[in-house]
Amino acid sequence: MNVGHVLTVTRTDLRQLIGAKDFWLPMMVLGGLFFVLVPLVLLTTITRIGNVEIIAQISQTLEMLPAATEENIRGDSETGRAGYVLAVYLFGPVAVVVPLTIATAVGAASIVGERERGTGEFLAHSPADVRAIYLGKLIASLLPGYATTIVGFAIYSLIVNTVVGPEVGGWFFPTAEWWLLILWVLPPFLALALSLVLRLSARVKSTAAAQQASGLVSIPMIMIAYSQSTGAMFGAANFAVVVGAIAWALALLGLWRGMRAVSRSRLLGVADGI
């Protein structure tokens, strides 16, 4: 497999994606909603305005947590502790929806889109072998999603530290659990999701069908994000490490099997669908 061919496929797909304004506009709106608007409004409501009802509900929930977990929650006031819980344990997992949505949307149209644009035949007869094509398209789908994660969490961290930080004694986010989520857990799950989505894109006959099927792939990822947050909240310090290790193993298996699903006949559109 030629690395240069992989990079050529990646660059070609990214150039096409950059020029697709009809794709990026709704994705930017989605990212702004999850990473900026919702956290800013709710955290400001808690820490600045002081919504008594919400704070009381969160305080009651904190009383049910293990003592070791309560000790990790920062803040001397109910307002500060409520803001800390919302920032660390609620909004972080929700934000995973954005990079996953972007990555799967790109991947869903990756291969079947070549056939619909009439470029599948050119790609099928190019010097690149099917493994190089598959990996090139995987990287082109993975980069936008993970880049969104980096930018989005940077903005989200700034909002959290600016709004909640003064209530808990200074800047504190991202926490150790979320560094594990971003650097260890999220990448293999994005890769695993894309390995499945690219296989679907190679088999179905339209982009619409691939996008509908790829929607099911995002559900396990969302569940894992919330599970990681819940495990950390209840003191499972090694939970993210174990989940990440399993995810990496499954991702490597999915990528290996995914390469076998791409063939020149499917790029040409002459193979059967699912």
C-alpha atoms as a PDB file:
ATOM      1  CA  MET A   1       0.000   0.000   0.000  1.00  0.00           C
ATOM      2  CA  ASN A   2       1.389   3.371  -1.076  1.00  0.00           C
ATOM      3  CA  VAL A   3       1.228   6.094   1.608  1.00  0.00           C
ATOM      4  CA  GLY A   4       1.303   8.752  -1.104  1.00  0.00           C
ATOM      5  CA  HIS A   5      -1.892   7.320  -2.617  1.00  0.00           C
ATOM      6  CA  VAL A   6      -3.562   7.428   0.816  1.00  0.00           C
ATOM      7  CA  LEU A   7      -2.640  11.090   1.262  1.00  0.00           C
ATOM      8  CA  THR A   8      -3.802  11.933  -2.263  1.00  0.00           C
ATOM      9  CA  VAL A   9      -7.249  10.452  -1.619  1.00  0.00           C
ATOM     10  CA  THR A  10      -7.413  12.301   1.712  1.00  0.00           C
ATOM     11  CA  ARG A  11      -6.445  15.656   0.207  1.00  0.00           C
ATOM     12  CA  THR A  12      -8.917  15.272  -2.640  1.00  0.00           C
ATOM     13  CA  ASP A  13     -11.812  14.508  -0.293  1.00  0.00           C
ATOM     14  CA  LEU A  14     -10.916  17.357   2.078  1.00  0.00           C
ATOM     15  CA  ARG A  15     -10.764  19.875  -0.805  1.00  0.00           C
ATOM     16  CA  GLN A  16     -14.232  18.831  -1.908  1.00  0.00           C
ATOM     17  CA  LEU A  17     -15.501  19.050   1.661  1.00  0.00           C
ATOM     18  CA  ILE A  18     -14.071  22.525   2.234  1.00  0.00           C
ATOM     19  CA  GLY A  19     -15.970  23.793  -0.785  1.00  0.00           C
ATOM     20  CA  ALA A  20     -19.296  22.282   0.341  1.00  0.00           C
ATOM     21  CA  LYS A  21     -20.863  25.267   2.137  1.00  0.00           C
ATOM     22  CA  ASP A  22     -24.232  23.537   2.311  1.00  0.00           C
ATOM     23  CA  PHE A  23     -22.573  20.972   4.559  1.00  0.00           C
ATOM     24  CA  TRP A  24     -20.516  23.226   6.803  1.00  0.00           C
ATOM     25  CA  LEU A  25     -23.223  25.806   7.558  1.00  0.00           C
ATOM     26  CA  PRO A  26     -25.585  23.429   9.435  1.00  0.00           C
ATOM     27  CA  MET A  27     -22.586  21.757  11.092  1.00  0.00           C
ATOM     28  CA  MET A  28     -21.382  25.144  12.392  1.00  0.00           C
ATOM     29  CA  VAL A  29     -24.868  25.881  13.713  1.00  0.00           C
ATOM     30  CA  LEU A  30     -24.941  22.503  15.451  1.00  0.00           C
ATOM     31  CA  GLY A  31     -21.498  23.040  16.944  1.00  0.00           C
ATOM     32  CA  GLY A  32     -22.392  26.537  18.129  1.00  0.00           C
ATOM     33  CA  LEU A  33     -25.537  25.219  19.777  1.00  0.00           C
ATOM     34  CA  PHE A  34     -23.871  22.409  21.732  1.00  0.00           C
ATOM     35  CA  PHE A  35     -20.496  23.960  22.507  1.00  0.00           C
ATOM     36  CA  VAL A  36     -21.450  27.605  23.048  1.00  0.00           C
ATOM     37  CA  LEU A  37     -25.101  28.614  23.333  1.00  0.00           C
ATOM     38  CA  VAL A  38     -26.616  25.924  25.575  1.00  0.00           C
ATOM     39  CA  PRO A  39     -23.688  25.722  28.049  1.00  0.00           C
ATOM     40  CA  LEU A  40     -23.361  29.510  28.219  1.00  0.00           C
ATOM     41  CA  VAL A  41     -27.067  30.068  28.901  1.00  0.00           C
ATOM     42  CA  LEU A  42     -27.481  27.304  31.485  1.00  0.00           C
ATOM     43  CA  LEU A  43     -24.223  27.880  33.343  1.00  0.00           C
ATOM     44  CA  THR A  44     -24.858  31.616  33.460  1.00  0.00           C
ATOM     45  CA  THR A  45     -28.351  30.953  34.744  1.00  0.00           C
ATOM     46  CA  ILE A  46     -26.937  28.836  37.564  1.00  0.00           C
ATOM     47  CA  THR A  47     -23.908  30.894  38.595  1.00  0.00           C
ATOM     48  CA  ARG A  48     -24.927  34.468  37.819  1.00  0.00           C
ATOM     49  CA  ILE A  49     -28.696  34.574  38.082  1.00  0.00           C
ATOM     50  CA  GLY A  50     -28.928  31.775  40.643  1.00  0.00           C
ATOM     51  CA  ASN A  51     -31.892  29.626  39.662  1.00  0.00           C
ATOM     52  CA  VAL A  52     -32.931  28.427  43.131  1.00  0.00           C
ATOM     53  CA  GLU A  53     -35.064  25.528  41.903  1.00  0.00           C
ATOM     54  CA  ILE A  54     -32.349  23.991  39.729  1.00  0.00           C
ATOM     55  CA  ILE A  55     -29.702  24.473  42.410  1.00  0.00           C
ATOM     56  CA  ALA A  56     -31.935  22.777  44.990  1.00  0.00           C
ATOM     57  CA  GLN A  57     -32.515  19.787  42.699  1.00  0.00           C
ATOM     58  CA  ILE A  58     -28.804  19.376  42.006  1.00  0.00           C
ATOM     59  CA  SER A  59     -27.997  19.697  45.719  1.00  0.00           C
ATOM     60  CA  GLN A  60     -30.423  16.878  46.503  1.00  0.00           C
ATOM     61  CA  THR A  61     -28.764  14.722  43.863  1.00  0.00           C
ATOM     62  CA  LEU A  62     -25.306  15.384  45.316  1.00  0.00           C
ATOM     63  CA  GLU A  63     -26.439  14.058  48.694  1.00  0.00           C
ATOM     64  CA  MET A  64     -27.012  10.641  47.092  1.00  0.00           C
ATOM     65  CA  LEU A  65     -23.455  10.340  45.736  1.00  0.00           C
ATOM     66  CA  PRO A  66     -20.646   8.367  47.422  1.00  0.00           C
ATOM     67  CA  ALA A  67     -18.530  10.368  49.865  1.00  0.00           C
ATOM     68  CA  ALA A  68     -15.404   9.966  47.721  1.00  0.00           C
ATOM     69  CA  THR A  69     -17.229  11.425  44.729  1.00  0.00           C
ATOM     70  CA  GLU A  70     -18.583  14.361  46.686  1.00  0.00           C
ATOM     71  CA  GLU A  71     -15.047  15.255  47.756  1.00  0.00           C
ATOM     72  CA  ASN A  72     -14.040  15.689  44.107  1.00  0.00           C
ATOM     73  CA  ILE A  73     -16.781  18.245  43.447  1.00  0.00           C
ATOM     74  CA  ARG A  74     -15.313  21.703  43.831  1.00  0.00           C
ATOM     75  CA  GLY A  75     -16.987  24.782  45.228  1.00  0.00           C
ATOM     76  CA  ASP A  76     -17.833  26.112  48.694  1.00  0.00           C
ATOM     77  CA  SER A  77     -21.346  27.267  47.800  1.00  0.00           C
ATOM     78  CA  GLU A  78     -24.322  25.374  46.403  1.00  0.00           C
ATOM     79  CA  THR A  79     -24.161  27.573  43.312  1.00  0.00           C
ATOM     80  CA  GLY A  80     -20.531  26.720  42.651  1.00  0.00           C
ATOM     81  CA  ARG A  81     -20.993  22.994  43.239  1.00  0.00           C
ATOM     82  CA  ALA A  82     -24.066  22.933  41.000  1.00  0.00           C
ATOM     83  CA  GLY A  83     -22.153  24.702  38.230  1.00  0.00           C
ATOM     84  CA  TYR A  84     -19.247  22.273  38.595  1.00  0.00           C
ATOM     85  CA  VAL A  85     -21.525  19.230  38.307  1.00  0.00           C
ATOM     86  CA  LEU A  86     -23.282  20.597  35.228  1.00  0.00           C
ATOM     87  CA  ALA A  87     -20.018  21.542  33.503  1.00  0.00           C
ATOM     88  CA  VAL A  88     -18.150  18.303  34.205  1.00  0.00           C
ATOM     89  CA  TYR A  89     -20.824  15.632  34.199  1.00  0.00           C
ATOM     90  CA  LEU A  90     -23.619  16.933  31.961  1.00  0.00           C
ATOM     91  CA  PHE A  91     -22.408  19.086  29.076  1.00  0.00           C
ATOM     92  CA  GLY A  92     -19.195  17.222  28.243  1.00  0.00           C
ATOM     93  CA  PRO A  93     -20.875  14.003  27.062  1.00  0.00           C
ATOM     94  CA  VAL A  94     -23.551  15.945  25.166  1.00  0.00           C
ATOM     95  CA  ALA A  95     -20.855  17.737  23.176  1.00  0.00           C
ATOM     96  CA  VAL A  96     -19.606  14.403  21.774  1.00  0.00           C
ATOM     97  CA  VAL A  97     -22.685  14.399  19.539  1.00  0.00           C
ATOM     98  CA  VAL A  98     -21.193  17.141  17.347  1.00  0.00           C
ATOM     99  CA  PRO A  99     -17.905  15.514  16.195  1.00  0.00           C
ATOM    100  CA  LEU A 100     -19.650  12.177  15.794  1.00  0.00           C
ATOM    101  CA  THR A 101     -22.363  13.737  13.643  1.00  0.00           C
ATOM    102  CA  ILE A 102     -19.827  15.489  11.444  1.00  0.00           C
ATOM    103  CA  ALA A 103     -17.571  12.446  11.006  1.00  0.00           C
ATOM    104  CA  THR A 104     -20.417  10.050  10.173  1.00  0.00           C
ATOM    105  CA  ALA A 105     -22.030  12.554   7.802  1.00  0.00           C
ATOM    106  CA  VAL A 106     -18.771  12.854   5.860  1.00  0.00           C
ATOM    107  CA  GLY A 107     -18.158   9.124   5.896  1.00  0.00           C
ATOM    108  CA  ALA A 108     -21.692   8.234   4.799  1.00  0.00           C
ATOM    109  CA  ALA A 109     -21.299  10.097   1.523  1.00  0.00           C
ATOM    110  CA  SER A 110     -17.671   9.160   1.020  1.00  0.00           C
ATOM    111  CA  ILE A 111     -17.846   6.110  -1.243  1.00  0.00           C
ATOM    112  CA  VAL A 112     -21.411   6.079  -2.481  1.00  0.00           C
ATOM    113  CA  GLY A 113     -20.968   9.780  -3.254  1.00  0.00           C
ATOM    114  CA  GLU A 114     -18.231   8.893  -5.752  1.00  0.00           C
ATOM    115  CA  ARG A 115     -20.719   6.795  -7.702  1.00  0.00           C
ATOM    116  CA  GLU A 116     -23.399   9.487  -7.576  1.00  0.00           C
ATOM    117  CA  ARG A 117     -20.956  12.150  -8.817  1.00  0.00           C
ATOM    118  CA  GLY A 118     -19.739   9.873 -11.590  1.00  0.00           C
ATOM    119  CA  THR A 119     -16.172   9.839 -10.258  1.00  0.00           C
ATOM    120  CA  GLY A 120     -16.284   6.272  -8.942  1.00  0.00           C
ATOM    121  CA  GLU A 121     -15.042   4.830 -12.226  1.00  0.00           C
ATOM    122  CA  PHE A 122     -12.082   7.208 -12.260  1.00  0.00           C
ATOM    123  CA  LEU A 123     -11.214   6.269  -8.674  1.00  0.00           C
ATOM    124  CA  ALA A 124     -11.659   2.547  -9.341  1.00  0.00           C
ATOM    125  CA  HIS A 125      -9.176   2.699 -12.234  1.00  0.00           C
ATOM    126  CA  SER A 126      -6.662   4.906 -10.416  1.00  0.00           C
ATOM    127  CA  PRO A 127      -3.234   3.540  -9.380  1.00  0.00           C
ATOM    128  CA  ALA A 128      -4.337   3.500  -5.717  1.00  0.00           C
ATOM    129  CA  ASP A 129      -5.313   0.093  -4.404  1.00  0.00           C
ATOM    130  CA  VAL A 130      -8.529  -0.398  -2.456  1.00  0.00           C
ATOM    131  CA  ARG A 131      -6.755  -0.272   0.921  1.00  0.00           C
ATOM    132  CA  ALA A 132      -5.252   3.113   0.105  1.00  0.00           C
ATOM    133  CA  ILE A 133      -8.658   4.364  -1.037  1.00  0.00           C
ATOM    134  CA  TYR A 134     -10.331   3.101   2.128  1.00  0.00           C
ATOM    135  CA  LEU A 135      -7.727   4.567   4.489  1.00  0.00           C
ATOM    136  CA  GLY A 136      -7.638   7.855   2.594  1.00  0.00           C
ATOM    137  CA  LYS A 137     -11.403   8.250   2.914  1.00  0.00           C
ATOM    138  CA  LEU A 138     -11.310   7.169   6.553  1.00  0.00           C
ATOM    139  CA  ILE A 139      -8.751   9.849   7.408  1.00  0.00           C
ATOM    140  CA  ALA A 140     -10.681  12.473   5.407  1.00  0.00           C
ATOM    141  CA  SER A 141     -13.792  11.631   7.445  1.00  0.00           C
ATOM    142  CA  LEU A 142     -11.985  11.407  10.780  1.00  0.00           C
ATOM    143  CA  LEU A 143     -10.114  14.716  10.591  1.00  0.00           C
ATOM    144  CA  PRO A 144     -13.162  17.043  10.439  1.00  0.00           C
ATOM    145  CA  GLY A 145     -14.812  15.256  13.355  1.00  0.00           C
ATOM    146  CA  TYR A 146     -11.756  15.243  15.594  1.00  0.00           C
ATOM    147  CA  ALA A 147     -10.780  18.803  14.639  1.00  0.00           C
ATOM    148  CA  THR A 148     -14.263  19.843  15.719  1.00  0.00           C
ATOM    149  CA  THR A 149     -13.652  18.082  19.034  1.00  0.00           C
ATOM    150  CA  ILE A 150     -10.443  20.025  19.665  1.00  0.00           C
ATOM    151  CA  VAL A 151     -11.883  23.406  18.710  1.00  0.00           C
ATOM    152  CA  GLY A 152     -15.242  22.780  20.371  1.00  0.00           C
ATOM    153  CA  PHE A 153     -13.818  21.599  23.682  1.00  0.00           C
ATOM    154  CA  ALA A 154     -11.367  24.500  23.709  1.00  0.00           C
ATOM    155  CA  ILE A 155     -14.262  26.950  23.394  1.00  0.00           C
ATOM    156  CA  TYR A 156     -16.346  24.998  25.880  1.00  0.00           C
ATOM    157  CA  SER A 157     -13.448  24.920  28.358  1.00  0.00           C
ATOM    158  CA  LEU A 158     -13.063  28.683  28.061  1.00  0.00           C
ATOM    159  CA  ILE A 159     -16.774  29.189  28.761  1.00  0.00           C
ATOM    160  CA  VAL A 160     -16.741  26.804  31.735  1.00  0.00           C
ATOM    161  CA  ASN A 161     -13.633  28.310  33.300  1.00  0.00           C
ATOM    162  CA  THR A 162     -14.873  31.860  32.753  1.00  0.00           C
ATOM    163  CA  VAL A 163     -18.400  31.322  34.059  1.00  0.00           C
ATOM    164  CA  VAL A 164     -17.956  28.575  36.685  1.00  0.00           C
ATOM    165  CA  GLY A 165     -14.274  29.050  37.549  1.00  0.00           C
ATOM    166  CA  PRO A 166     -14.770  32.083  39.831  1.00  0.00           C
ATOM    167  CA  GLU A 167     -17.317  30.072  41.836  1.00  0.00           C
ATOM    168  CA  VAL A 168     -14.970  27.127  42.488  1.00  0.00           C
ATOM    169  CA  GLY A 169     -11.651  28.839  43.085  1.00  0.00           C
ATOM    170  CA  GLY A 170     -10.217  29.195  39.568  1.00  0.00           C
ATOM    171  CA  TRP A 171      -9.842  27.433  36.237  1.00  0.00           C
ATOM    172  CA  PHE A 172     -10.382  23.688  36.468  1.00  0.00           C
ATOM    173  CA  PHE A 173     -11.659  22.324  33.132  1.00  0.00           C
ATOM    174  CA  PRO A 174     -10.890  19.989  31.361  1.00  0.00           C
ATOM    175  CA  THR A 175     -10.634  17.581  34.258  1.00  0.00           C
ATOM    176  CA  ALA A 176      -8.500  14.431  34.156  1.00  0.00           C
ATOM    177  CA  GLU A 177     -11.544  12.354  33.189  1.00  0.00           C
ATOM    178  CA  TRP A 178     -12.217  14.512  30.161  1.00  0.00           C
ATOM    179  CA  TRP A 179      -8.598  14.498  29.036  1.00  0.00           C
ATOM    180  CA  LEU A 180      -8.959  10.714  28.957  1.00  0.00           C
ATOM    181  CA  LEU A 181     -12.220  11.013  27.048  1.00  0.00           C
ATOM    182  CA  ILE A 182     -10.805  13.381  24.432  1.00  0.00           C
ATOM    183  CA  LEU A 183      -7.376  11.795  23.941  1.00  0.00           C
ATOM    184  CA  TRP A 184      -7.995   8.109  24.692  1.00  0.00           C
ATOM    185  CA  VAL A 185     -11.688   7.197  24.359  1.00  0.00           C
ATOM    186  CA  LEU A 186     -13.049   9.446  21.614  1.00  0.00           C
ATOM    187  CA  PRO A 187     -10.527   8.745  18.789  1.00  0.00           C
ATOM    188  CA  PRO A 188     -11.055   4.951  18.638  1.00  0.00           C
ATOM    189  CA  PHE A 189     -14.824   5.335  18.849  1.00  0.00           C
ATOM    190  CA  LEU A 190     -14.789   7.791  15.967  1.00  0.00           C
ATOM    191  CA  ALA A 191     -12.612   5.346  14.015  1.00  0.00           C
ATOM    192  CA  LEU A 192     -14.896   2.435  14.904  1.00  0.00           C
ATOM    193  CA  ALA A 193     -18.004   4.368  13.884  1.00  0.00           C
ATOM    194  CA  LEU A 194     -16.391   5.410  10.598  1.00  0.00           C
ATOM    195  CA  SER A 195     -15.250   1.860   9.824  1.00  0.00           C
ATOM    196  CA  LEU A 196     -18.908   0.813   9.973  1.00  0.00           C
ATOM    197  CA  VAL A 197     -20.169   3.866   8.086  1.00  0.00           C
ATOM    198  CA  LEU A 198     -17.659   3.428   5.247  1.00  0.00           C
ATOM    199  CA  ARG A 199     -18.713  -0.198   4.872  1.00  0.00           C
ATOM    200  CA  LEU A 200     -22.316   0.973   4.591  1.00  0.00           C
ATOM    201  CA  SER A 201     -21.299   3.647   2.092  1.00  0.00           C
ATOM    202  CA  ALA A 202     -19.569   0.988  -0.020  1.00  0.00           C
ATOM    203  CA  ARG A 203     -22.647  -1.242  -0.078  1.00  0.00           C
ATOM    204  CA  VAL A 204     -25.712   1.009  -0.365  1.00  0.00           C
ATOM    205  CA  LYS A 205     -26.863   2.615  -3.599  1.00  0.00           C
ATOM    206  CA  SER A 206     -27.542   6.191  -2.479  1.00  0.00           C
ATOM    207  CA  THR A 207     -26.147   8.803  -0.084  1.00  0.00           C
ATOM    208  CA  ALA A 208     -29.550   9.144   1.562  1.00  0.00           C
ATOM    209  CA  ALA A 209     -29.602   5.438   2.411  1.00  0.00           C
ATOM    210  CA  ALA A 210     -26.061   5.619   3.812  1.00  0.00           C
ATOM    211  CA  GLN A 211     -26.910   8.625   5.983  1.00  0.00           C
ATOM    212  CA  GLN A 212     -30.019   6.952   7.370  1.00  0.00           C
ATOM    213  CA  ALA A 213     -28.087   3.813   8.255  1.00  0.00           C
ATOM    214  CA  SER A 214     -25.183   5.780   9.742  1.00  0.00           C
ATOM    215  CA  GLY A 215     -27.569   7.429  12.187  1.00  0.00           C
ATOM    216  CA  LEU A 216     -27.780   4.122  14.040  1.00  0.00           C
ATOM    217  CA  VAL A 217     -24.009   4.062  14.458  1.00  0.00           C
ATOM    218  CA  SER A 218     -24.032   7.244  16.551  1.00  0.00           C
ATOM    219  CA  ILE A 219     -26.257   5.770  19.278  1.00  0.00           C
ATOM    220  CA  PRO A 220     -23.599   3.488  20.872  1.00  0.00           C
ATOM    221  CA  MET A 221     -21.084   6.342  20.876  1.00  0.00           C
ATOM    222  CA  ILE A 222     -23.475   8.639  22.738  1.00  0.00           C
ATOM    223  CA  MET A 223     -24.229   5.899  25.261  1.00  0.00           C
ATOM    224  CA  ILE A 224     -20.518   5.317  25.861  1.00  0.00           C
ATOM    225  CA  ALA A 225     -19.921   9.042  26.439  1.00  0.00           C
ATOM    226  CA  TYR A 226     -22.608   9.183  29.079  1.00  0.00           C
ATOM    227  CA  SER A 227     -21.403   5.899  30.592  1.00  0.00           C
ATOM    228  CA  GLN A 228     -17.885   7.290  30.882  1.00  0.00           C
ATOM    229  CA  SER A 229     -19.218  10.379  32.628  1.00  0.00           C
ATOM    230  CA  THR A 230     -21.390   8.343  34.981  1.00  0.00           C
ATOM    231  CA  GLY A 231     -18.539   5.976  35.813  1.00  0.00           C
ATOM    232  CA  ALA A 232     -16.243   8.884  36.624  1.00  0.00           C
ATOM    233  CA  MET A 233     -18.957  10.516  38.730  1.00  0.00           C
ATOM    234  CA  PHE A 234     -19.379   7.434  40.892  1.00  0.00           C
ATOM    235  CA  GLY A 235     -15.685   6.966  41.434  1.00  0.00           C
ATOM    236  CA  ALA A 236     -14.749   4.453  38.715  1.00  0.00           C
ATOM    237  CA  ALA A 237     -11.319   5.972  38.104  1.00  0.00           C
ATOM    238  CA  ASN A 238     -10.174   3.273  35.679  1.00  0.00           C
ATOM    239  CA  PHE A 239     -13.436   3.135  33.729  1.00  0.00           C
ATOM    240  CA  ALA A 240     -12.287   5.392  30.895  1.00  0.00           C
ATOM    241  CA  VAL A 241      -8.987   3.531  30.553  1.00  0.00           C
ATOM    242  CA  VAL A 242     -10.744   0.171  30.192  1.00  0.00           C
ATOM    243  CA  VAL A 243     -13.384   1.537  27.811  1.00  0.00           C
ATOM    244  CA  GLY A 244     -10.687   3.156  25.676  1.00  0.00           C
ATOM    245  CA  ALA A 245      -8.645  -0.044  25.476  1.00  0.00           C
ATOM    246  CA  ILE A 246     -11.696  -2.016  24.355  1.00  0.00           C
ATOM    247  CA  ALA A 247     -12.578   0.689  21.854  1.00  0.00           C
ATOM    248  CA  TRP A 248      -9.080   0.635  20.330  1.00  0.00           C
ATOM    249  CA  ALA A 249      -9.239  -3.142  19.914  1.00  0.00           C
ATOM    250  CA  LEU A 250     -12.670  -2.966  18.285  1.00  0.00           C
ATOM    251  CA  ALA A 251     -11.588  -0.053  16.087  1.00  0.00           C
ATOM    252  CA  LEU A 252      -8.566  -1.961  14.749  1.00  0.00           C
ATOM    253  CA  LEU A 253     -10.760  -4.991  14.067  1.00  0.00           C
ATOM    254  CA  GLY A 254     -13.364  -2.799  12.375  1.00  0.00           C
ATOM    255  CA  LEU A 255     -10.757  -1.114  10.181  1.00  0.00           C
ATOM    256  CA  TRP A 256      -9.276  -4.439   9.132  1.00  0.00           C
ATOM    257  CA  ARG A 257     -12.684  -5.834   8.230  1.00  0.00           C
ATOM    258  CA  GLY A 258     -13.718  -2.556   6.607  1.00  0.00           C
ATOM    259  CA  MET A 259     -10.894  -2.718   4.092  1.00  0.00           C
ATOM    260  CA  ARG A 260     -12.323  -5.992   2.826  1.00  0.00           C
ATOM    261  CA  ALA A 261     -15.713  -4.358   2.199  1.00  0.00           C
ATOM    262  CA  VAL A 262     -14.320  -1.888  -0.349  1.00  0.00           C
ATOM    263  CA  SER A 263     -13.788  -3.226  -3.845  1.00  0.00           C
ATOM    264  CA  ARG A 264     -13.321  -1.702  -7.263  1.00  0.00           C
ATOM    265  CA  SER A 265     -16.645  -3.180  -8.351  1.00  0.00           C
ATOM    266  CA  ARG A 266     -18.447  -1.298  -5.564  1.00  0.00           C
ATOM    267  CA  LEU A 267     -16.677   1.933  -6.522  1.00  0.00           C
ATOM    268  CA  LEU A 268     -17.992   1.366 -10.043  1.00  0.00           C
ATOM    269  CA  GLY A 269     -21.468   0.705  -8.671  1.00  0.00           C
ATOM    270  CA  VAL A 270     -21.862  -2.766 -10.158  1.00  0.00           C
ATOM    271  CA  ALA A 271     -21.861  -4.728  -6.863  1.00  0.00           C
ATOM    272  CA  ASP A 272     -25.015  -5.580  -5.025  1.00  0.00           C
ATOM    273  CA  GLY A 273     -26.164  -3.472  -2.085  1.00  0.00           C
ATOM    274  CA  ILE A 274     -26.641  -4.703   1.428  1.00  0.00           C
END
